[in-house]
Protein backbone atom coordinates (compact mmCIF):
# COMPACT_ATOMS: atom_id res chain seq x y z
CA MET A 1 36.47 68.89 11.10
CA ILE A 2 33.84 71.46 12.12
CA LYS A 3 31.69 70.45 9.18
CA THR A 4 31.94 66.77 10.17
CA LYS A 5 30.96 67.52 13.76
CA ALA A 6 28.00 69.58 12.58
CA ILE A 7 26.75 66.82 10.34
CA ARG A 8 27.14 64.29 13.17
CA LYS A 9 25.22 66.57 15.56
CA ILE A 10 22.41 67.01 13.08
CA PHE A 11 22.27 63.23 12.53
CA ILE A 12 22.08 62.46 16.27
CA THR A 13 19.39 65.12 16.79
CA THR A 14 17.32 63.74 13.91
CA VAL A 15 17.55 60.15 15.19
CA THR A 16 16.63 61.27 18.71
CA MET A 17 13.54 63.16 17.47
CA PHE A 18 12.49 60.13 15.42
CA VAL A 19 12.72 57.83 18.46
CA LEU A 20 10.76 60.27 20.63
CA LEU A 21 8.03 60.71 18.04
CA THR A 22 7.75 56.93 17.65
CA VAL A 23 7.43 56.34 21.40
CA PHE A 24 4.83 59.04 21.95
CA SER A 25 2.80 57.94 18.95
CA ILE A 26 2.11 54.56 20.62
CA PRO A 27 -1.35 54.62 22.30
CA MET A 28 -1.06 54.46 26.07
CA LEU A 29 -3.56 52.49 28.15
CA ASN A 30 -5.44 54.46 30.75
CA ASP A 31 -6.66 52.84 33.95
CA GLU A 32 -10.06 52.03 32.52
CA ASP A 33 -8.59 50.33 29.46
CA ALA A 34 -6.22 48.33 31.63
CA LEU A 35 -9.19 46.78 33.42
CA ARG A 36 -10.57 45.24 30.26
CA VAL A 37 -9.76 41.70 29.28
CA ASN A 38 -9.83 40.05 25.88
CA PHE A 39 -11.25 36.58 26.46
CA GLU A 40 -10.51 35.33 22.95
CA ILE A 41 -7.88 32.61 23.34
CA LYS A 42 -5.51 31.85 20.48
CA ASP A 43 -2.11 30.28 20.36
CA ASP A 44 0.91 31.51 18.43
CA LYS A 45 -0.34 29.88 15.23
CA ASN A 46 -3.76 31.54 15.55
CA PHE A 47 -5.55 28.24 16.07
CA ASP A 48 -9.09 28.68 17.37
CA THR A 49 -10.34 26.98 20.51
CA ASN A 50 -13.81 25.61 21.12
CA SER A 51 -15.77 24.39 24.10
CA ILE A 52 -16.52 20.72 24.62
CA TYR A 53 -18.45 19.24 27.52
CA LEU A 54 -16.92 16.35 29.47
CA LEU A 55 -18.30 14.40 32.43
CA SER A 56 -16.78 14.99 35.86
CA GLU A 57 -16.62 12.46 38.71
CA ASN A 58 -19.44 14.37 40.40
CA GLY A 59 -21.72 13.71 37.43
CA TYR A 60 -21.68 17.18 35.85
CA LEU A 61 -20.93 18.03 32.26
CA VAL A 62 -18.20 20.67 32.49
CA LYS A 63 -16.83 23.04 29.88
CA SER A 64 -13.35 22.22 28.60
CA ASN A 65 -11.46 23.26 25.45
CA VAL A 66 -10.24 21.71 22.23
CA ILE A 67 -7.91 23.41 19.73
CA PHE A 68 -8.90 23.55 16.06
CA ASP A 69 -6.25 23.15 13.40
CA SER A 70 -8.61 23.72 10.47
CA ASP A 71 -11.10 26.40 9.40
CA ASN A 72 -13.34 23.84 7.70
CA LEU A 73 -16.66 23.42 9.54
CA LYS A 74 -16.86 19.65 9.00
CA ASP A 75 -13.31 19.23 10.32
CA LYS A 76 -14.22 21.26 13.39
CA VAL A 77 -17.31 19.14 14.09
CA LEU A 78 -15.29 15.95 13.72
CA LYS A 79 -12.58 17.26 16.06
CA VAL A 80 -15.19 18.10 18.71
CA LEU A 81 -16.95 14.73 18.42
CA ASN A 82 -13.74 12.70 18.52
CA ASN A 83 -12.83 14.44 21.77
CA LEU A 84 -16.20 13.43 23.24
CA ILE A 85 -15.57 9.72 22.67
CA GLU A 86 -14.44 7.92 25.81
CA ASN A 87 -10.73 7.22 25.55
CA GLU A 88 -8.38 5.70 28.09
CA ASN A 89 -5.55 7.84 26.72
CA SER A 90 -7.47 11.09 27.02
CA LYS A 91 -5.36 14.24 27.25
CA TYR A 92 -7.80 15.67 29.76
CA SER A 93 -7.83 15.33 33.53
CA SER A 94 -8.24 11.79 34.83
CA ASN A 95 -11.37 13.09 36.56
CA LEU A 96 -12.98 14.03 33.24
CA LYS A 97 -14.17 11.72 30.51
CA GLY A 98 -16.08 11.70 27.25
CA VAL A 99 -19.66 10.44 27.27
CA ILE A 100 -19.81 8.80 23.84
CA PRO A 101 -18.96 5.07 24.21
CA TYR A 102 -15.38 4.24 23.20
CA ASN A 103 -16.33 1.93 20.29
CA VAL A 104 -18.67 4.39 18.53
CA LYS A 105 -17.66 5.45 15.00
CA ILE A 106 -18.59 8.73 13.32
CA LEU A 107 -19.80 7.58 9.92
CA ASP A 108 -20.35 11.01 8.39
CA VAL A 109 -21.09 14.67 9.11
CA PHE A 110 -23.31 16.84 6.91
CA CYS A 111 -23.19 20.63 7.23
CA GLY A 112 -25.60 23.07 5.59
CA ASN A 113 -28.27 25.71 6.19
CA ASP A 114 -27.19 26.34 9.81
CA LEU A 115 -27.78 22.65 10.56
CA VAL A 116 -25.30 19.87 11.30
CA THR A 117 -26.37 16.26 10.86
CA ILE A 118 -24.18 13.57 12.43
CA ASP A 119 -24.39 9.90 11.49
CA PHE A 120 -23.07 7.55 14.20
CA SER A 121 -22.52 3.80 14.17
CA LYS A 122 -25.06 1.59 15.98
CA GLU A 123 -22.78 1.25 19.03
CA ILE A 124 -24.01 4.63 20.22
CA LEU A 125 -27.26 2.88 21.22
CA ASN A 126 -25.33 0.94 23.87
CA VAL A 127 -24.84 3.99 26.06
CA PRO A 128 -25.91 3.29 29.69
CA GLU A 129 -29.30 4.75 30.55
CA LYS A 130 -27.83 6.95 33.28
CA LEU A 131 -25.57 8.61 30.70
CA GLU A 132 -27.85 8.83 27.66
CA LYS A 133 -29.11 12.36 28.38
CA ASP A 134 -25.63 13.59 29.24
CA MET A 135 -24.34 12.13 25.98
CA ILE A 136 -26.94 13.89 23.84
CA SER A 137 -26.49 17.18 25.74
CA ALA A 138 -22.70 17.01 25.40
CA ILE A 139 -22.94 16.43 21.64
CA VAL A 140 -25.46 19.22 21.07
CA TYR A 141 -23.85 21.84 23.31
CA SER A 142 -20.33 21.13 22.03
CA VAL A 143 -21.32 21.35 18.36
CA LEU A 144 -23.50 24.44 18.82
CA ASP A 145 -20.63 26.25 20.55
CA ILE A 146 -18.65 26.13 17.31
CA GLY A 147 -20.80 29.04 16.15
CA ASP A 148 -23.04 29.76 13.12
CA ILE A 149 -24.90 26.51 13.81
CA LYS A 150 -28.54 26.67 14.87
CA GLY A 151 -29.38 23.01 15.27
CA VAL A 152 -28.08 19.44 15.38
CA SER A 153 -29.70 16.26 14.06
CA ILE A 154 -28.44 12.83 15.13
CA MET A 155 -28.66 9.73 12.98
CA VAL A 156 -27.69 6.12 13.64
CA GLU A 157 -26.48 4.35 10.51
CA GLY A 158 -28.63 6.51 8.27
CA LYS A 159 -31.78 6.52 10.44
CA LEU A 160 -32.88 9.54 12.48
CA LEU A 161 -32.52 9.08 16.24
CA SER A 162 -36.02 10.09 17.37
CA GLU A 163 -35.81 8.92 20.98
CA TYR A 164 -33.30 8.31 23.75
CA PRO A 165 -31.82 4.79 23.35
CA ASN A 166 -32.96 3.44 26.74
CA SER A 167 -35.74 5.56 28.25
CA LYS A 168 -37.39 5.99 24.83
CA GLU A 169 -38.25 9.61 25.60
CA VAL A 170 -38.96 11.47 22.38
CA LEU A 171 -36.21 13.61 20.85
CA PRO A 172 -36.95 16.52 18.48
CA THR A 173 -35.82 16.14 14.88
CA VAL A 174 -33.56 19.17 15.29
CA LEU A 175 -31.84 19.59 18.65
CA ASN A 176 -30.68 22.83 20.25
CA LYS A 177 -29.83 24.01 23.75
CA ASP A 178 -33.51 23.83 24.70
CA ILE A 179 -32.88 20.14 25.55
CA GLY A 180 -31.03 21.36 28.66
CA ILE A 181 -27.84 20.28 30.38
CA ASN A 182 -27.19 19.22 33.99
CA LYS A 183 -30.92 19.72 34.56
CA GLU A 184 -32.32 20.81 37.91
CA TYR A 185 -35.96 21.39 38.83
CA ASP A 186 -37.23 23.87 41.38
CA ILE A 187 -40.91 24.00 40.52
CA ASN A 188 -44.14 23.62 42.48
CA SER A 189 -46.59 24.37 39.69
CA ARG A 190 -47.03 23.68 35.99
CA ASP A 191 -47.67 27.38 35.41
CA ASN A 192 -45.05 30.03 34.56
CA ILE A 193 -42.21 27.53 34.16
CA THR A 194 -39.02 29.21 32.95
CA SER A 195 -35.80 27.47 31.99
CA VAL A 196 -32.58 29.39 32.64
CA ILE A 197 -29.02 28.25 31.92
CA LEU A 198 -26.65 29.24 34.73
CA TYR A 199 -22.90 28.76 34.91
CA TYR A 200 -21.26 27.67 38.15
CA LEU A 201 -17.75 26.46 38.94
CA GLU A 202 -16.45 23.04 39.92
CA ASP A 203 -12.99 22.43 41.40
CA ILE A 204 -11.34 19.53 39.54
CA ASP A 205 -7.69 18.70 40.22
CA ASP A 206 -7.16 22.18 41.69
CA SER A 207 -8.48 23.87 38.55
CA TYR A 208 -11.85 25.55 38.10
CA TYR A 209 -14.15 24.33 35.33
CA TYR A 210 -17.35 26.07 34.24
CA VAL A 211 -20.52 24.06 34.66
CA PRO A 212 -23.75 24.96 32.82
CA VAL A 213 -26.93 24.07 34.71
CA THR A 214 -30.38 24.30 33.18
CA LYS A 215 -32.76 25.24 35.97
CA TYR A 216 -36.51 25.01 35.68
CA LEU A 217 -38.35 27.46 37.94
CA ASN A 218 -41.75 29.02 38.46
CA ASP A 219 -40.48 32.51 37.74
CA SER A 220 -41.74 34.98 35.14
CA ARG A 221 -39.06 37.63 35.68
CA ASP A 222 -36.53 38.58 33.02
CA LYS A 223 -33.86 35.92 32.87
CA ILE A 224 -31.01 38.32 33.71
CA LYS A 225 -32.63 39.03 37.08
CA ILE A 226 -32.90 35.30 37.75
CA ILE A 227 -29.27 34.79 36.69
CA VAL A 228 -27.88 37.35 39.13
CA GLU A 229 -30.08 36.23 42.01
CA GLU A 230 -29.29 32.54 41.50
CA LEU A 231 -25.54 33.11 41.22
CA THR A 232 -25.47 35.19 44.40
CA THR A 233 -27.59 32.85 46.53
CA SER A 234 -28.50 29.40 45.20
CA TYR A 235 -24.95 28.08 44.78
CA ILE A 236 -24.88 27.60 48.55
CA TYR A 237 -27.28 24.70 48.08
CA GLU A 238 -25.52 23.14 45.07
CA ASP A 239 -23.40 20.06 45.80
CA ASN A 240 -19.81 20.52 44.59
CA LEU A 241 -20.69 23.71 42.68
CA MET A 242 -19.68 27.24 43.58
CA SER A 243 -20.05 30.86 42.53
CA PHE A 244 -17.67 33.71 43.25
CA LEU A 245 -20.34 36.41 43.11
CA ASN A 246 -20.63 38.46 46.29
CA SER A 247 -23.94 37.88 48.05
CA LYS A 248 -24.30 41.70 48.27
CA LEU A 249 -23.99 42.15 44.50
CA GLU A 250 -27.03 43.88 43.01
CA LEU A 251 -28.04 44.50 39.42
CA VAL A 252 -28.90 48.21 39.47
CA ASP A 253 -30.28 48.25 35.93
CA TYR A 254 -29.75 46.65 32.55
CA ARG A 255 -30.59 47.22 28.92
CA GLU A 256 -30.26 45.41 25.63
CA GLU A 257 -29.13 47.41 22.61
CA ASN A 258 -29.01 45.50 19.31
CA ASP A 259 -26.57 42.65 20.04
CA LEU A 260 -25.18 44.22 23.23
CA MET A 261 -26.29 43.54 26.82
CA ILE A 262 -25.32 46.29 29.27
CA LEU A 263 -25.34 45.32 32.95
CA ASN A 264 -24.97 48.00 35.61
CA PHE A 265 -24.01 46.65 39.06
CA ASN A 266 -23.31 48.15 42.45
CA GLU A 267 -19.76 48.30 43.81
CA TYR A 268 -19.85 44.66 44.98
CA LEU A 269 -18.87 43.56 41.50
CA PHE A 270 -15.36 44.36 42.78
CA ASP A 271 -13.61 42.17 45.33
CA SER A 272 -11.92 43.46 48.50
CA ASN A 273 -8.90 44.54 46.45
CA ASP A 274 -11.00 46.57 44.01
CA ASN A 275 -10.51 43.96 41.28
CA ILE A 276 -13.08 42.04 39.28
CA LEU A 277 -12.50 38.31 39.40
CA GLU A 278 -12.26 36.49 36.08
CA GLU A 279 -14.62 33.82 37.47
CA VAL A 280 -17.28 36.46 38.11
CA ILE A 281 -17.06 37.81 34.56
CA TYR A 282 -17.20 34.35 33.00
CA THR A 283 -20.09 32.94 35.04
CA ILE A 284 -22.24 35.99 34.29
CA GLY A 285 -21.07 36.28 30.68
CA TYR A 286 -21.59 32.62 29.80
CA SER A 287 -25.01 32.68 31.46
CA VAL A 288 -26.07 35.72 29.43
CA PHE A 289 -24.85 34.28 26.12
CA ASP A 290 -26.77 31.02 26.65
CA ASN A 291 -30.00 32.88 27.44
CA TYR A 292 -29.87 35.94 25.18
CA ASP A 293 -29.10 36.45 21.50
CA VAL A 294 -26.35 39.02 22.05
CA SER A 295 -22.70 39.00 20.98
CA MET A 296 -21.25 41.15 23.77
CA VAL A 297 -21.85 41.88 27.45
CA MET A 298 -20.73 45.19 28.92
CA PHE A 299 -20.18 45.43 32.68
CA GLU A 300 -20.71 48.73 34.47
CA VAL A 301 -20.30 49.71 38.12
CA ASN A 302 -22.57 52.58 39.11
CA GLY A 303 -22.88 53.63 35.47
CA LYS A 304 -19.18 53.44 34.55
CA GLU A 305 -17.93 50.79 32.12
CA VAL A 306 -15.29 48.51 33.64
CA TYR A 307 -15.28 45.37 31.49
CA ASN A 308 -16.70 43.86 28.34
CA ILE A 309 -16.71 40.32 27.07
CA SER A 310 -17.59 39.01 23.61
CA ARG A 311 -19.34 35.77 22.73
CA LYS A 312 -16.19 34.61 20.93
C-alpha cells in the first residue's frame, strides 16, 4: 500500500512539474508587443486577399478586397478583373460598383517578366468618357497590388490600347501607378510639380473604405513630409473624404533603412485613450507603400517603437 501511494505521489508530482514547465515556456507578450498588429488577413483555409478598386456613389475609386483561391498568378489576375466588371449581382455594397462594362470579356491574360498583359474584347471601348480614366486606373492599381508585378499592358482583341477610348489621350505601352487615381490638382506653376498618393477614408454604408488620391502639387519636399501634412490638414477641404490623424500630429524625424521606413512622431499619434487608431496606421502605411519602395513601416513615438506594418 505504501509503495503504491509513493508511486502515485511521484506520478502526480511529475505531471504537475511538466504542466508548469509547459506553461512557463510559452512566450508572454509584454505591453509593447501587445500594441503591435499583424495586418495580414487570411481566412481559416489560408486564402490570400487582394485589393481591388471599385467606384463609390461619390465618384471615388475605393479599396475593397477579393479572396484568392489559387496561388497561380494568371488565376489571381483573372479573379481581380472579373470582380471589376459591372455586375448587378455584385457581392459588394450596393453603393460600390465595378468600372469595366458588364458585357466585356477577358480574352486572355499573359504573365511574364514582371509584366501582365490583358486582352479584352472590343466592348471595353464602349466605356463612358466620364469613367474611362477610372476604369484604366482601377485595372492597373488592382493588378499591381497582387505583388511582384511592375507593369500592366492592355490590349483590345490583340491590338495594344495606346489611347483612352473617348478622349484619345495617349496611354503608355506599359502602365503603372504613375497614371494616377482619383486625381486632384493643386498647382499654380509648371515648375517643381510632385505627385503624391495619399489615402483618405470614405464612409460607405456605415463602413470605412480607404481611398487613394493622387495629388499634384508644387512642392519639392520629401514625400513623407507632404503625406503627414496633407493627412493632418487638407482632408478638411475634401468632399466626402476624411482622415483620423490629429491636427497636432508632427513627424519628429524619419529615416529609410534598406526596405524599412522608420517614422518617429510626437505623442499625438495616440488618441485620447492612449491608443493608436487602426485608420491612422492604415492611411499612413498605405500612403508610404504607394510612394516608397519599402516593405515595412515602423511607427515610433518619441523614439520608442509602438507599431509596425508590412506591405503584405
